[in-house]
C-alpha atoms as a PDB file:
ATOM      1  CA  MET A   1     148.205 118.285  89.502  1.00  0.00           C
ATOM      2  CA  GLU A   2     152.200 117.854  89.499  1.00  0.00           C
ATOM      3  CA  GLU A   3     153.649 119.796  86.440  1.00  0.00           C
ATOM      4  CA  LEU A   4     155.230 117.111  83.862  1.00  0.00           C
ATOM      5  CA  SER A   5     157.727 117.793  80.780  1.00  0.00           C
ATOM      6  CA  PHE A   6     156.114 116.394  77.278  1.00  0.00           C
ATOM      7  CA  TYR A   7     157.670 115.787  74.256  1.00  0.00           C
ATOM      8  CA  ASP A   8     155.981 116.521  70.881  1.00  0.00           C
ATOM      9  CA  VAL A   9     157.163 114.056  68.503  1.00  0.00           C
ATOM     10  CA  LYS A  10     155.178 115.877  65.407  1.00  0.00           C
ATOM     11  CA  SER A  11     156.675 119.463  66.134  1.00  0.00           C
ATOM     12  CA  LYS A  12     160.229 118.074  67.836  1.00  0.00           C
ATOM     13  CA  LYS A  13     159.758 120.395  70.914  1.00  0.00           C
ATOM     14  CA  LYS A  14     159.425 119.954  74.806  1.00  0.00           C
ATOM     15  CA  PHE A  15     156.760 121.444  76.715  1.00  0.00           C
ATOM     16  CA  ASN A  16     155.380 121.080  80.200  1.00  0.00           C
ATOM     17  CA  SER A  17     151.830 120.813  81.414  1.00  0.00           C
ATOM     18  CA  SER A  18     149.882 120.375  84.461  1.00  0.00           C
ATOM     19  CA  ASP A  19     146.621 119.465  82.601  1.00  0.00           C
ATOM     20  CA  TYR A  20     146.614 115.829  81.550  1.00  0.00           C
ATOM     21  CA  SER A  21     145.189 112.336  82.188  1.00  0.00           C
ATOM     22  CA  VAL A  22     146.562 108.941  83.320  1.00  0.00           C
ATOM     23  CA  LYS A  23     145.805 106.484  81.277  1.00  0.00           C
ATOM     24  CA  GLN A  24     146.644 102.530  81.336  1.00  0.00           C
ATOM     25  CA  LYS A  25     147.354 100.861  78.125  1.00  0.00           C
ATOM     26  CA  SER A  26     148.912  97.329  78.430  1.00  0.00           C
ATOM     27  CA  GLY A  27     149.699  97.087  81.767  1.00  0.00           C
ATOM     28  CA  ARG A  28     151.787 100.622  81.642  1.00  0.00           C
ATOM     29  CA  PHE A  29     150.668 104.031  82.752  1.00  0.00           C
ATOM     30  CA  PHE A  30     150.857 106.866  80.690  1.00  0.00           C
ATOM     31  CA  ALA A  31     150.189 110.841  81.228  1.00  0.00           C
ATOM     32  CA  VAL A  32     148.533 112.427  77.970  1.00  0.00           C
ATOM     33  CA  THR A  33     147.509 115.580  77.110  1.00  0.00           C
ATOM     34  CA  LYS A  34     146.901 117.611  74.003  1.00  0.00           C
ATOM     35  CA  SER A  35     149.638 119.087  71.878  1.00  0.00           C
ATOM     36  CA  LYS A  36     150.671 122.942  72.390  1.00  0.00           C
ATOM     37  CA  VAL A  37     150.886 123.766  68.779  1.00  0.00           C
ATOM     38  CA  GLY A  38     147.929 120.607  67.167  1.00  0.00           C
ATOM     39  CA  THR A  39     145.035 118.447  67.819  1.00  0.00           C
ATOM     40  CA  HIS A  40     147.229 115.617  68.847  1.00  0.00           C
ATOM     41  CA  ASP A  41     147.915 114.030  71.836  1.00  0.00           C
ATOM     42  CA  CYS A  42     151.336 113.383  73.770  1.00  0.00           C
ATOM     43  CA  TRP A  43     151.744 110.391  75.689  1.00  0.00           C
ATOM     44  CA  ARG A  44     154.691 109.986  78.517  1.00  0.00           C
ATOM     45  CA  VAL A  45     155.156 106.955  79.938  1.00  0.00           C
ATOM     46  CA  LEU A  46     154.852 106.770  84.200  1.00  0.00           C
ATOM     47  CA  SER A  47     155.870 104.791  86.613  1.00  0.00           C
ATOM     48  CA  LYS A  48     153.849 102.725  88.863  1.00  0.00           C
ATOM     49  CA  ASP A  49     154.416 104.592  91.660  1.00  0.00           C
ATOM     50  CA  GLN A  50     154.349 107.957  89.829  1.00  0.00           C
ATOM     51  CA  ALA A  51     150.858 106.777  88.277  1.00  0.00           C
ATOM     52  CA  ALA A  52     149.701 105.743  91.820  1.00  0.00           C
ATOM     53  CA  LYS A  53     150.935 108.952  93.583  1.00  0.00           C
ATOM     54  CA  ILE A  54     149.162 111.108  90.735  1.00  0.00           C
ATOM     55  CA  LYS A  55     145.653 109.175  90.789  1.00  0.00           C
ATOM     56  CA  LYS A  56     145.118 110.316  94.360  1.00  0.00           C
END
């Protein structure tokens, strides 16, 4: 998978990850990964085209 940049709201830090899943919620697409410093999830909004490209 392509590496994406995520922002961890709780620790207020950016990080890159290539270990994520693509989820659809309310018609929007998101990349979801585990936080590097905690046990919570970090979500990133994806465009429809990006999500289709990654899902292939």
